[in-house]
C-alpha cells in the first residue's frame, strides 16, 4: 500500500569531434617529391569515417595517399600527402595544396595546407675575352659568375685549350648562394715557339 518504484532513463549525447594538424612547408628542385605528414584524432564520442581530399595550385602533382580513415573515439593516426615539383617549374614558383578532412556524418570539415616552393638552379657567366701578346707572355683574363638560381651551388671550373698555350684556371671550385656573384681569373701563357 502506498509503495512506488522509480527508474531513471539517462541519455548521453555522443558528439562528433576532430583534431587535425599541421600546416607544412617545403622547398626543393624540380622533380623532387615531398612527403608531408598530417595527424588526425577523433575527439568525438562516436566512430567516424573521414573523407580526405585535396585541391592544389600551379600544376604540382599532389596525391593524398589515403582517401578515407575510420577512427573510433579518441583514436589517432597519421596520413601522408605527396607533392612533386614539376620539371618545368620556375625558380620561386610555389603550390599550395589544401588538404580537406571531412566528416560525412555532420558535414563538418577542417583544412590545412602544404606549401611547396621550387628552387631552380641558374647561372650567369661572362664575358668572352680576347687578348694578344708576345711569346712567353702570360695574359690574365677575368670572368664574372652569378648564381641566378634559388639554391646554393658549388661550381667546378675546368678548361680546354688549343695550340699548346698553357692555360690555368686559378680557382677550380666556387660555392655561391642564391644571387651571389664573384669573379675568377684564367692565366694563358703564349708559348715561346708561337
C-alpha atoms as a PDB file:
ATOM      1  CA  UNK A   1       0.000   0.000   0.000  1.00  0.00           C
ATOM      2  CA  UNK A   2       1.403   3.286  -0.982  1.00  0.00           C
ATOM      3  CA  UNK A   3       4.585   1.695  -2.431  1.00  0.00           C
ATOM      4  CA  UNK A   4       6.140   3.285  -5.504  1.00  0.00           C
ATOM      5  CA  UNK A   5       9.037   2.260  -7.667  1.00  0.00           C
ATOM      6  CA  UNK A   6      11.041   4.689  -9.798  1.00  0.00           C
ATOM      7  CA  UNK A   7      13.502   4.198 -12.642  1.00  0.00           C
ATOM      8  CA  UNK A   8      15.841   6.621 -14.271  1.00  0.00           C
ATOM      9  CA  UNK A   9      16.470   6.934 -18.011  1.00  0.00           C
ATOM     10  CA  UNK A  10      19.854   8.549 -18.741  1.00  0.00           C
ATOM     11  CA  UNK A  11      20.683   9.809 -22.217  1.00  0.00           C
ATOM     12  CA  UNK A  12      24.243  10.648 -23.153  1.00  0.00           C
ATOM     13  CA  UNK A  13      24.945  12.783 -26.170  1.00  0.00           C
ATOM     14  CA  UNK A  14      27.744  11.392 -28.295  1.00  0.00           C
ATOM     15  CA  UNK A  15      29.061  14.322 -30.281  1.00  0.00           C
ATOM     16  CA  UNK A  16      31.484  14.308 -33.138  1.00  0.00           C
ATOM     17  CA  UNK A  17      34.869  15.976 -32.990  1.00  0.00           C
ATOM     18  CA  UNK A  18      38.071  16.169 -34.951  1.00  0.00           C
ATOM     19  CA  UNK A  19      41.612  17.429 -34.369  1.00  0.00           C
ATOM     20  CA  UNK A  20      43.852  17.743 -37.428  1.00  0.00           C
ATOM     21  CA  UNK A  21      47.395  19.161 -37.726  1.00  0.00           C
ATOM     22  CA  UNK A  22      49.700  20.697 -39.071  1.00  0.00           C
ATOM     23  CA  UNK A  23      50.299  23.091 -41.983  1.00  0.00           C
ATOM     24  CA  UNK A  24      53.551  22.083 -43.769  1.00  0.00           C
ATOM     25  CA  UNK A  25      56.114  23.818 -45.986  1.00  0.00           C
ATOM     26  CA  UNK A  26      58.967  22.584 -48.127  1.00  0.00           C
ATOM     27  CA  UNK A  27      61.239  23.701 -50.933  1.00  0.00           C
ATOM     28  CA  UNK A  28      63.387  21.860 -53.424  1.00  0.00           C
ATOM     29  CA  UNK A  29      64.467  21.352 -57.003  1.00  0.00           C
ATOM     30  CA  UNK A  30      62.267  20.340 -59.962  1.00  0.00           C
ATOM     31  CA  UNK A  31      61.463  16.633 -59.935  1.00  0.00           C
ATOM     32  CA  UNK A  32      61.790  16.365 -56.158  1.00  0.00           C
ATOM     33  CA  UNK A  33      58.945  14.659 -54.269  1.00  0.00           C
ATOM     34  CA  UNK A  34      57.936  15.896 -50.831  1.00  0.00           C
ATOM     35  CA  UNK A  35      56.034  13.689 -48.384  1.00  0.00           C
ATOM     36  CA  UNK A  36      54.121  15.702 -45.811  1.00  0.00           C
ATOM     37  CA  UNK A  37      52.655  14.000 -42.734  1.00  0.00           C
ATOM     38  CA  UNK A  38      49.415  15.060 -41.047  1.00  0.00           C
ATOM     39  CA  UNK A  39      47.952  13.819 -37.757  1.00  0.00           C
ATOM     40  CA  UNK A  40      44.234  13.297 -37.176  1.00  0.00           C
ATOM     41  CA  UNK A  41      42.389  12.487 -33.943  1.00  0.00           C
ATOM     42  CA  UNK A  42      38.738  11.620 -33.439  1.00  0.00           C
ATOM     43  CA  UNK A  43      37.913  13.807 -30.431  1.00  0.00           C
ATOM     44  CA  UNK A  44      34.248  12.869 -30.518  1.00  0.00           C
ATOM     45  CA  UNK A  45      32.245  10.096 -28.918  1.00  0.00           C
ATOM     46  CA  UNK A  46      31.322   8.054 -31.997  1.00  0.00           C
ATOM     47  CA  UNK A  47      33.231   6.131 -34.620  1.00  0.00           C
ATOM     48  CA  UNK A  48      33.706   8.249 -37.760  1.00  0.00           C
ATOM     49  CA  UNK A  49      34.909   7.587 -41.273  1.00  0.00           C
ATOM     50  CA  UNK A  50      36.615  10.730 -42.543  1.00  0.00           C
ATOM     51  CA  UNK A  51      36.982  11.563 -46.228  1.00  0.00           C
ATOM     52  CA  UNK A  52      40.303  13.151 -47.306  1.00  0.00           C
ATOM     53  CA  UNK A  53      40.512  15.277 -50.453  1.00  0.00           C
ATOM     54  CA  UNK A  54      42.803  17.977 -51.840  1.00  0.00           C
ATOM     55  CA  UNK A  55      42.978  20.917 -54.213  1.00  0.00           C
ATOM     56  CA  UNK A  56      46.230  22.471 -55.395  1.00  0.00           C
ATOM     57  CA  UNK A  57      47.680  25.280 -57.477  1.00  0.00           C
ATOM     58  CA  UNK A  58      50.345  25.636 -60.210  1.00  0.00           C
ATOM     59  CA  UNK A  59      50.379  22.103 -61.575  1.00  0.00           C
ATOM     60  CA  UNK A  60      52.443  20.491 -58.811  1.00  0.00           C
ATOM     61  CA  UNK A  61      51.269  16.852 -58.763  1.00  0.00           C
ATOM     62  CA  UNK A  62      49.590  16.252 -55.394  1.00  0.00           C
ATOM     63  CA  UNK A  63      48.318  12.946 -54.004  1.00  0.00           C
ATOM     64  CA  UNK A  64      46.614  12.177 -50.702  1.00  0.00           C
ATOM     65  CA  UNK A  65      47.912   8.647 -50.120  1.00  0.00           C
ATOM     66  CA  UNK A  66      44.852   7.555 -48.087  1.00  0.00           C
ATOM     67  CA  UNK A  67      41.414   8.895 -49.043  1.00  0.00           C
ATOM     68  CA  UNK A  68      39.346   7.572 -46.099  1.00  0.00           C
ATOM     69  CA  UNK A  69      40.161   6.948 -42.442  1.00  0.00           C
ATOM     70  CA  UNK A  70      37.936   5.267 -39.857  1.00  0.00           C
ATOM     71  CA  UNK A  71      38.647   6.152 -36.232  1.00  0.00           C
ATOM     72  CA  UNK A  72      36.887   5.252 -33.011  1.00  0.00           C
ATOM     73  CA  UNK A  73      36.525   7.753 -30.163  1.00  0.00           C
ATOM     74  CA  UNK A  74      39.925   9.137 -29.062  1.00  0.00           C
ATOM     75  CA  UNK A  75      41.774   7.207 -31.760  1.00  0.00           C
ATOM     76  CA  UNK A  76      44.566   8.914 -33.695  1.00  0.00           C
ATOM     77  CA  UNK A  77      46.546   8.182 -36.829  1.00  0.00           C
ATOM     78  CA  UNK A  78      48.634   9.900 -39.456  1.00  0.00           C
ATOM     79  CA  UNK A  79      48.336  10.167 -43.213  1.00  0.00           C
ATOM     80  CA  UNK A  80      50.666  11.464 -45.901  1.00  0.00           C
ATOM     81  CA  UNK A  81      50.421  13.792 -48.867  1.00  0.00           C
ATOM     82  CA  UNK A  82      52.946  13.585 -51.726  1.00  0.00           C
ATOM     83  CA  UNK A  83      53.763  16.713 -53.741  1.00  0.00           C
ATOM     84  CA  UNK A  84      56.025  16.600 -56.805  1.00  0.00           C
ATOM     85  CA  UNK A  85      57.681  19.760 -58.118  1.00  0.00           C
ATOM     86  CA  UNK A  86      57.274  19.705 -61.918  1.00  0.00           C
ATOM     87  CA  UNK A  87      60.392  19.629 -64.084  1.00  0.00           C
ATOM     88  CA  UNK A  88      59.133  22.794 -65.787  1.00  0.00           C
ATOM     89  CA  UNK A  89      58.818  24.791 -62.539  1.00  0.00           C
ATOM     90  CA  UNK A  90      60.455  28.205 -62.457  1.00  0.00           C
ATOM     91  CA  UNK A  91      62.546  29.467 -59.577  1.00  0.00           C
ATOM     92  CA  UNK A  92      60.363  30.672 -56.711  1.00  0.00           C
ATOM     93  CA  UNK A  93      57.124  29.237 -58.086  1.00  0.00           C
ATOM     94  CA  UNK A  94      55.049  27.529 -55.441  1.00  0.00           C
ATOM     95  CA  UNK A  95      51.994  25.393 -54.979  1.00  0.00           C
ATOM     96  CA  UNK A  96      49.549  25.474 -52.101  1.00  0.00           C
ATOM     97  CA  UNK A  97      47.835  22.128 -51.582  1.00  0.00           C
ATOM     98  CA  UNK A  98      44.716  22.441 -49.450  1.00  0.00           C
ATOM     99  CA  UNK A  99      44.040  19.151 -47.682  1.00  0.00           C
ATOM    100  CA  UNK A 100      40.428  18.714 -46.534  1.00  0.00           C
ATOM    101  CA  UNK A 101      39.345  16.236 -43.871  1.00  0.00           C
ATOM    102  CA  UNK A 102      35.544  15.967 -43.823  1.00  0.00           C
ATOM    103  CA  UNK A 103      33.005  14.125 -41.689  1.00  0.00           C
ATOM    104  CA  UNK A 104      30.116  12.775 -43.790  1.00  0.00           C
ATOM    105  CA  UNK A 105      28.157  12.350 -40.547  1.00  0.00           C
ATOM    106  CA  UNK A 106      27.988  16.059 -39.804  1.00  0.00           C
ATOM    107  CA  UNK A 107      29.270  17.646 -42.996  1.00  0.00           C
ATOM    108  CA  UNK A 108      31.914  19.463 -40.950  1.00  0.00           C
ATOM    109  CA  UNK A 109      35.436  19.742 -42.345  1.00  0.00           C
ATOM    110  CA  UNK A 110      38.852  21.091 -41.394  1.00  0.00           C
ATOM    111  CA  UNK A 111      41.521  22.200 -43.855  1.00  0.00           C
ATOM    112  CA  UNK A 112      45.301  22.534 -43.654  1.00  0.00           C
ATOM    113  CA  UNK A 113      47.839  23.445 -46.311  1.00  0.00           C
ATOM    114  CA  UNK A 114      51.071  22.049 -47.673  1.00  0.00           C
ATOM    115  CA  UNK A 115      53.077  24.775 -49.432  1.00  0.00           C
ATOM    116  CA  UNK A 116      55.888  23.677 -51.738  1.00  0.00           C
ATOM    117  CA  UNK A 117      58.313  26.080 -53.438  1.00  0.00           C
ATOM    118  CA  UNK A 118      60.575  25.328 -56.419  1.00  0.00           C
ATOM    119  CA  UNK A 119      64.235  26.310 -56.148  1.00  0.00           C
ATOM    120  CA  UNK A 120      65.679  26.105 -59.638  1.00  0.00           C
ATOM    121  CA  UNK A 121      69.434  26.199 -60.344  1.00  0.00           C
ATOM    122  CA  UNK A 122      70.670  29.042 -62.541  1.00  0.00           C
ATOM    123  CA  UNK A 123      73.969  30.560 -63.673  1.00  0.00           C
ATOM    124  CA  UNK A 124      75.161  33.718 -65.418  1.00  0.00           C
ATOM    125  CA  UNK A 125      78.757  33.699 -66.663  1.00  0.00           C
ATOM    126  CA  UNK A 126      80.560  36.494 -68.545  1.00  0.00           C
ATOM    127  CA  UNK A 127      82.463  37.586 -70.610  1.00  0.00           C
ATOM    128  CA  UNK A 128      84.236  36.001 -73.564  1.00  0.00           C
ATOM    129  CA  UNK A 129      87.735  37.547 -73.589  1.00  0.00           C
ATOM    130  CA  UNK A 130      90.256  38.233 -76.349  1.00  0.00           C
ATOM    131  CA  UNK A 131      93.877  39.202 -75.941  1.00  0.00           C
ATOM    132  CA  UNK A 132      97.222  39.249 -77.695  1.00  0.00           C
ATOM    133  CA  UNK A 133     100.833  39.303 -76.610  1.00  0.00           C
ATOM    134  CA  UNK A 134     104.361  38.196 -77.333  1.00  0.00           C
ATOM    135  CA  UNK A 135     105.782  34.655 -76.967  1.00  0.00           C
ATOM    136  CA  UNK A 136     106.383  33.841 -73.294  1.00  0.00           C
ATOM    137  CA  UNK A 137     103.923  36.468 -72.076  1.00  0.00           C
ATOM    138  CA  UNK A 138     101.124  35.467 -69.660  1.00  0.00           C
ATOM    139  CA  UNK A 139      97.734  37.117 -70.124  1.00  0.00           C
ATOM    140  CA  UNK A 140      95.203  37.169 -67.276  1.00  0.00           C
ATOM    141  CA  UNK A 141      91.511  37.128 -68.092  1.00  0.00           C
ATOM    142  CA  UNK A 142      88.785  37.858 -65.528  1.00  0.00           C
ATOM    143  CA  UNK A 143      85.334  36.257 -65.623  1.00  0.00           C
ATOM    144  CA  UNK A 144      82.243  37.009 -63.529  1.00  0.00           C
ATOM    145  CA  UNK A 145      79.856  34.331 -62.322  1.00  0.00           C
ATOM    146  CA  UNK A 146      76.454  34.792 -60.650  1.00  0.00           C
ATOM    147  CA  UNK A 147      74.209  32.166 -59.099  1.00  0.00           C
ATOM    148  CA  UNK A 148      70.844  33.187 -60.580  1.00  0.00           C
ATOM    149  CA  UNK A 149      69.061  30.184 -59.066  1.00  0.00           C
ATOM    150  CA  UNK A 150      67.335  29.565 -55.793  1.00  0.00           C
ATOM    151  CA  UNK A 151      69.766  27.091 -54.214  1.00  0.00           C
ATOM    152  CA  UNK A 152      73.380  27.170 -53.090  1.00  0.00           C
ATOM    153  CA  UNK A 153      75.599  25.656 -55.771  1.00  0.00           C
ATOM    154  CA  UNK A 154      79.231  24.570 -55.982  1.00  0.00           C
ATOM    155  CA  UNK A 155      80.537  25.169 -59.486  1.00  0.00           C
ATOM    156  CA  UNK A 156      83.509  23.240 -60.872  1.00  0.00           C
ATOM    157  CA  UNK A 157      85.710  25.281 -63.222  1.00  0.00           C
ATOM    158  CA  UNK A 158      87.663  23.469 -65.939  1.00  0.00           C
ATOM    159  CA  UNK A 159      89.248  24.464 -69.223  1.00  0.00           C
ATOM    160  CA  UNK A 160      90.305  23.144 -72.592  1.00  0.00           C
ATOM    161  CA  UNK A 161      92.727  24.913 -74.890  1.00  0.00           C
ATOM    162  CA  UNK A 162      94.347  24.702 -78.305  1.00  0.00           C
ATOM    163  CA  UNK A 163      97.739  25.266 -79.895  1.00  0.00           C
ATOM    164  CA  UNK A 164      99.838  24.437 -76.838  1.00  0.00           C
ATOM    165  CA  UNK A 165      99.055  27.650 -74.948  1.00  0.00           C
ATOM    166  CA  UNK A 166      99.432  26.852 -71.235  1.00  0.00           C
ATOM    167  CA  UNK A 167      96.115  27.694 -69.571  1.00  0.00           C
ATOM    168  CA  UNK A 168      95.397  27.719 -65.854  1.00  0.00           C
ATOM    169  CA  UNK A 169      92.092  28.370 -64.104  1.00  0.00           C
ATOM    170  CA  UNK A 170      93.291  29.949 -60.860  1.00  0.00           C
ATOM    171  CA  UNK A 171      90.275  28.757 -58.825  1.00  0.00           C
ATOM    172  CA  UNK A 172      88.769  25.345 -59.623  1.00  0.00           C
ATOM    173  CA  UNK A 173      85.633  25.416 -57.442  1.00  0.00           C
ATOM    174  CA  UNK A 174      83.298  28.216 -56.374  1.00  0.00           C
ATOM    175  CA  UNK A 175      80.389  27.948 -53.940  1.00  0.00           C
ATOM    176  CA  UNK A 176      77.715  30.621 -54.282  1.00  0.00           C
ATOM    177  CA  UNK A 177      74.381  31.103 -52.554  1.00  0.00           C
ATOM    178  CA  UNK A 178      71.321  32.370 -54.408  1.00  0.00           C
ATOM    179  CA  UNK A 179      72.015  35.750 -56.089  1.00  0.00           C
ATOM    180  CA  UNK A 180      75.677  35.750 -55.010  1.00  0.00           C
ATOM    181  CA  UNK A 181      78.371  36.802 -57.502  1.00  0.00           C
ATOM    182  CA  UNK A 182      82.138  36.592 -57.705  1.00  0.00           C
ATOM    183  CA  UNK A 183      84.981  36.713 -60.202  1.00  0.00           C
ATOM    184  CA  UNK A 184      87.731  34.301 -61.108  1.00  0.00           C
ATOM    185  CA  UNK A 185      90.790  34.520 -63.326  1.00  0.00           C
ATOM    186  CA  UNK A 186      92.313  32.438 -66.104  1.00  0.00           C
ATOM    187  CA  UNK A 187      96.002  32.732 -66.982  1.00  0.00           C
ATOM    188  CA  UNK A 188      97.086  31.961 -70.548  1.00  0.00           C
ATOM    189  CA  UNK A 189     100.803  31.787 -71.411  1.00  0.00           C
ATOM    190  CA  UNK A 190     101.786  32.196 -75.035  1.00  0.00           C
ATOM    191  CA  UNK A 191     104.394  29.510 -75.888  1.00  0.00           C
ATOM    192  CA  UNK A 192     107.894  30.655 -76.833  1.00  0.00           C
ATOM    193  CA  UNK A 193     107.512  28.767 -80.088  1.00  0.00           C
ATOM    194  CA  UNK A 194     104.309  30.625 -81.093  1.00  0.00           C
END
